[in-house]
Amino acid sequence: MSNTLTDVELSEYVAQAKTDAAFAFEFLKDSGTLTASLIFNIAHRIPGHDTLLSVRFPSPWTRDKEVKISISKFSDHKDHILSEERLEADTLIHAHTPHLAAWSLSHKPFPILYVAAQRHLLAREIPNHLERTRTVLDVVRERLDKHPELAPPPALLESNGGANFWGKGILKTAQLILLIEESARLQAIAAQIGGAQVYTPGALDLQWKRTGLLERARAFAGDYAPA
């Protein structure tokens, strides 16, 4: 794709993004990943372009089930989290998922202790956005600046709410949401029998080898932010 989108290219891109967004919403809804309120919306920056797509989904009690998409200039959104290049993300998804939301309500960071999620992620935990007077971008940038030993987080819990997730592409970001919520659910079940334990020696290396992330993971010496 060139640096300048033609009307036809933009139209085709938007149509594909809408199709991907609808598919992501359906598989997250059908798998029980989303809460019953179906709070789920997407912002996607077209890579290499000053164009932001915003996708909104209907609430479960509305009769109008149309997925709505709007287009704006990315540069008009000065505090958008996708402007932080260290996250290497072009997609932001805000979603409420039942078990991860419990961590949001607890005001605690979520430690990722489930290999199916961890093998796709460099970060070991998802922080909690407690200072809601500050933007998501400010909170994440401060963490990245203060703790370069920690891998950039794939999400930020919204204290007393859901979470903001980011990644590359709509479908891949949605897949991460499924895996992270699955991790939160299994860790909640494990809490009844002694709790999820830290990884045994070699377990993380084995997982990261499977996804090609081992070398990048070794560049980050820290696991969790200081309490």
Protein backbone atom coordinates (compact mmCIF):
# COMPACT_ATOMS: atom_id res chain seq x y z
CA MET A 1 0.00 0.00 0.00
CA SER A 2 1.38 3.44 -0.96
CA ASN A 3 1.73 6.35 1.48
CA THR A 4 -1.40 7.90 0.03
CA LEU A 5 -4.62 5.95 0.02
CA THR A 6 -6.90 6.23 -2.96
CA ASP A 7 -10.62 6.29 -2.29
CA VAL A 8 -10.85 2.73 -3.57
CA GLU A 9 -7.99 1.50 -1.35
CA LEU A 10 -9.49 3.20 1.70
CA SER A 11 -12.91 1.74 0.96
CA GLU A 12 -11.48 -1.76 0.61
CA TYR A 13 -9.40 -1.41 3.79
CA VAL A 14 -12.38 -0.17 5.78
CA ALA A 15 -14.57 -3.00 4.52
CA GLN A 16 -11.98 -5.62 5.54
CA ALA A 17 -11.46 -3.96 8.94
CA LYS A 18 -15.22 -4.02 9.54
CA THR A 19 -15.38 -7.69 8.59
CA ASP A 20 -12.45 -8.53 10.89
CA ALA A 21 -13.95 -6.50 13.74
CA ALA A 22 -17.32 -8.23 13.44
CA PHE A 23 -15.64 -11.65 13.36
CA ALA A 24 -13.53 -10.79 16.43
CA PHE A 25 -16.61 -9.59 18.31
CA GLU A 26 -18.52 -12.77 17.51
CA PHE A 27 -15.80 -15.20 18.56
CA LEU A 28 -15.15 -13.31 21.79
CA LYS A 29 -18.89 -13.19 22.53
CA ASP A 30 -19.53 -16.83 21.63
CA SER A 31 -16.55 -18.06 23.67
CA GLY A 32 -17.80 -16.25 26.78
CA THR A 33 -14.79 -13.96 26.78
CA LEU A 34 -16.92 -10.81 27.01
CA THR A 35 -19.24 -9.90 29.87
CA ALA A 36 -22.99 -9.93 29.22
CA SER A 37 -23.00 -6.18 28.67
CA LEU A 38 -20.86 -6.79 25.55
CA ILE A 39 -18.74 -3.68 26.11
CA PHE A 40 -16.35 -3.84 23.20
CA ASN A 41 -15.02 -1.22 20.82
CA ILE A 42 -12.04 -0.90 18.54
CA ALA A 43 -9.70 1.83 17.31
CA HIS A 44 -7.37 0.87 14.49
CA ARG A 45 -4.74 3.05 12.86
CA ILE A 46 -4.11 2.21 9.24
CA PRO A 47 -0.35 1.45 9.24
CA GLY A 48 1.69 4.21 7.64
CA HIS A 49 -1.26 6.58 7.33
CA ASP A 50 -2.79 9.40 9.32
CA THR A 51 -6.09 7.55 9.44
CA LEU A 52 -7.90 6.14 12.45
CA LEU A 53 -10.85 3.78 12.20
CA SER A 54 -13.24 3.60 15.14
CA VAL A 55 -15.58 0.62 15.32
CA ARG A 56 -18.60 0.59 17.64
CA PHE A 57 -20.78 -2.39 18.44
CA PRO A 58 -24.41 -2.35 19.56
CA SER A 59 -25.33 -2.97 23.18
CA PRO A 60 -27.25 -6.23 23.74
CA TRP A 61 -30.55 -4.45 24.48
CA THR A 62 -30.70 -2.38 21.29
CA ARG A 63 -32.70 -3.55 18.27
CA ASP A 64 -30.25 -1.93 15.86
CA LYS A 65 -27.47 -4.52 15.51
CA GLU A 66 -25.46 -2.68 12.90
CA VAL A 67 -21.72 -2.37 13.48
CA LYS A 68 -20.77 1.27 12.96
CA ILE A 69 -17.39 2.48 11.76
CA SER A 70 -16.10 6.05 11.56
CA ILE A 71 -12.94 7.55 10.09
CA SER A 72 -10.85 10.41 11.45
CA LYS A 73 -7.32 11.78 11.30
CA PHE A 74 -5.04 9.99 13.73
CA SER A 75 -3.10 13.23 14.30
CA ASP A 76 -6.26 14.78 15.74
CA HIS A 77 -6.06 12.36 18.69
CA LYS A 78 -3.03 13.77 20.51
CA ASP A 79 -3.23 11.52 23.58
CA HIS A 80 -4.02 8.29 21.81
CA ILE A 81 -2.17 5.28 23.22
CA LEU A 82 -1.35 4.08 19.68
CA SER A 83 1.03 7.05 19.35
CA GLU A 84 3.44 5.31 21.77
CA GLU A 85 5.81 3.58 19.36
CA ARG A 86 7.37 1.32 22.00
CA LEU A 87 4.10 -0.63 22.14
CA GLU A 88 4.44 -1.55 18.44
CA ALA A 89 0.65 -1.46 18.16
CA ASP A 90 -1.82 -0.28 15.57
CA THR A 91 -4.98 -1.52 17.28
CA LEU A 92 -6.66 -0.62 20.56
CA ILE A 93 -9.57 -2.65 21.88
CA HIS A 94 -11.55 -1.69 24.94
CA ALA A 95 -13.37 -4.69 26.36
CA HIS A 96 -14.93 -5.92 29.57
CA THR A 97 -14.12 -9.56 30.28
CA PRO A 98 -15.39 -11.20 33.48
CA HIS A 99 -12.31 -12.63 35.16
CA LEU A 100 -9.82 -9.97 34.14
CA ALA A 101 -12.33 -7.32 35.25
CA ALA A 102 -12.12 -8.86 38.72
CA TRP A 103 -8.44 -7.85 38.77
CA SER A 104 -9.41 -4.37 37.62
CA LEU A 105 -11.82 -4.14 40.54
CA SER A 106 -9.17 -5.40 42.96
CA HIS A 107 -6.82 -2.53 41.99
CA LYS A 108 -4.02 -5.07 41.55
CA PRO A 109 -1.80 -5.76 38.54
CA PHE A 110 -2.55 -9.05 36.81
CA PRO A 111 0.39 -11.52 36.70
CA ILE A 112 0.31 -13.73 33.60
CA LEU A 113 0.86 -17.31 34.85
CA TYR A 114 -0.70 -19.32 32.02
CA VAL A 115 1.60 -20.56 29.27
CA ALA A 116 -0.96 -20.37 26.45
CA ALA A 117 -1.11 -16.59 26.94
CA GLN A 118 2.47 -16.03 28.06
CA ARG A 119 4.07 -17.63 25.01
CA HIS A 120 2.64 -14.82 22.86
CA LEU A 121 3.61 -12.03 25.25
CA LEU A 122 6.89 -10.54 26.42
CA ALA A 123 5.33 -8.79 29.40
CA ARG A 124 4.79 -10.77 32.60
CA GLU A 125 2.03 -8.62 34.05
CA ILE A 126 -0.70 -6.16 33.14
CA PRO A 127 -0.69 -3.02 35.30
CA ASN A 128 -3.77 -1.35 36.74
CA HIS A 129 -4.75 2.19 35.76
CA LEU A 130 -5.43 3.59 39.22
CA GLU A 131 -4.81 7.30 38.55
CA ARG A 132 -7.80 7.92 36.32
CA THR A 133 -7.11 11.67 36.26
CA ARG A 134 -4.18 10.77 33.99
CA THR A 135 -4.50 9.43 30.47
CA VAL A 136 -3.74 5.86 29.49
CA LEU A 137 -0.87 7.22 27.41
CA ASP A 138 0.66 9.11 30.35
CA VAL A 139 0.45 6.09 32.65
CA VAL A 140 1.97 3.71 30.13
CA ARG A 141 4.73 6.11 29.10
CA GLU A 142 5.73 6.66 32.69
CA ARG A 143 5.98 2.92 33.23
CA LEU A 144 8.08 2.45 30.09
CA ASP A 145 10.38 5.33 31.07
CA LYS A 146 10.81 4.27 34.71
CA HIS A 147 11.08 0.55 34.07
CA PRO A 148 12.96 -0.19 30.84
CA GLU A 149 13.77 -3.59 32.38
CA LEU A 150 10.11 -4.57 31.96
CA ALA A 151 8.61 -5.54 28.63
CA PRO A 152 5.93 -3.14 27.37
CA PRO A 153 2.54 -4.32 28.67
CA PRO A 154 -0.08 -5.57 26.17
CA ALA A 155 -2.89 -3.90 28.07
CA LEU A 156 -3.84 -1.67 30.96
CA LEU A 157 -6.54 -2.65 33.40
CA GLU A 158 -9.19 0.02 33.86
CA SER A 159 -9.55 0.22 37.64
CA ASN A 160 -13.11 -0.78 38.61
CA GLY A 161 -13.91 -1.55 34.96
CA GLY A 162 -12.60 -3.52 32.01
CA ALA A 163 -9.31 -3.15 30.20
CA ASN A 164 -7.65 -1.51 27.23
CA PHE A 165 -5.72 -3.97 25.06
CA TRP A 166 -3.41 -3.17 22.16
CA GLY A 167 -1.55 -5.07 19.49
CA LYS A 168 -0.92 -5.46 15.80
CA GLY A 169 -4.05 -5.99 13.75
CA ILE A 170 -7.64 -6.39 14.85
CA LEU A 171 -7.76 -10.19 14.79
CA LYS A 172 -4.43 -10.76 16.55
CA THR A 173 -5.32 -8.26 19.27
CA ALA A 174 -8.67 -10.00 19.77
CA GLN A 175 -6.90 -13.37 20.00
CA LEU A 176 -4.71 -11.97 22.78
CA ILE A 177 -7.82 -10.85 24.65
CA LEU A 178 -9.18 -14.39 24.52
CA LEU A 179 -5.93 -15.84 25.85
CA ILE A 180 -5.47 -13.25 28.60
CA GLU A 181 -9.07 -13.64 29.80
CA GLU A 182 -8.63 -17.43 29.71
CA SER A 183 -5.54 -16.98 31.85
CA ALA A 184 -7.47 -14.87 34.36
CA ARG A 185 -10.25 -17.48 34.50
CA LEU A 186 -7.90 -20.41 35.09
CA GLN A 187 -5.89 -18.49 37.65
CA ALA A 188 -9.15 -17.73 39.49
CA ILE A 189 -9.96 -21.46 39.53
CA ALA A 190 -6.43 -22.26 40.70
CA ALA A 191 -6.91 -19.85 43.61
CA GLN A 192 -9.27 -22.43 45.13
CA ILE A 193 -6.54 -25.07 45.26
CA GLY A 194 -3.56 -23.07 46.39
CA GLY A 195 -3.24 -20.51 43.64
CA ALA A 196 -1.38 -20.34 40.32
CA GLN A 197 2.32 -20.86 40.88
CA VAL A 198 5.27 -19.14 39.22
CA TYR A 199 6.81 -20.86 36.23
CA THR A 200 9.25 -23.67 36.91
CA PRO A 201 12.84 -23.31 35.54
CA GLY A 202 12.94 -23.53 31.76
CA ALA A 203 9.17 -23.29 31.28
CA LEU A 204 9.20 -19.75 29.94
CA ASP A 205 12.14 -20.35 27.60
CA LEU A 206 10.32 -23.36 26.16
CA GLN A 207 7.19 -21.31 25.50
CA TRP A 208 9.01 -18.34 23.97
CA LYS A 209 11.01 -20.67 21.71
CA ARG A 210 7.71 -21.90 20.28
CA THR A 211 6.71 -18.39 19.22
CA GLY A 212 10.16 -17.03 18.36
CA LEU A 213 10.15 -14.53 21.20
CA LEU A 214 12.97 -15.99 23.28
CA GLU A 215 15.73 -13.58 22.27
CA ARG A 216 13.52 -10.53 22.66
CA ALA A 217 12.30 -11.78 26.02
CA ARG A 218 15.88 -12.11 27.28
CA ALA A 219 16.39 -8.39 26.64
CA PHE A 220 14.09 -7.65 29.58
CA ALA A 221 15.61 -8.51 32.95
CA GLY A 222 12.56 -7.67 35.05
CA ASP A 223 9.40 -9.70 35.57
CA TYR A 224 7.11 -7.49 37.64
CA ALA A 225 7.06 -3.82 38.57
CA PRO A 226 8.15 -3.04 42.14
CA ALA A 227 5.19 -2.92 44.54
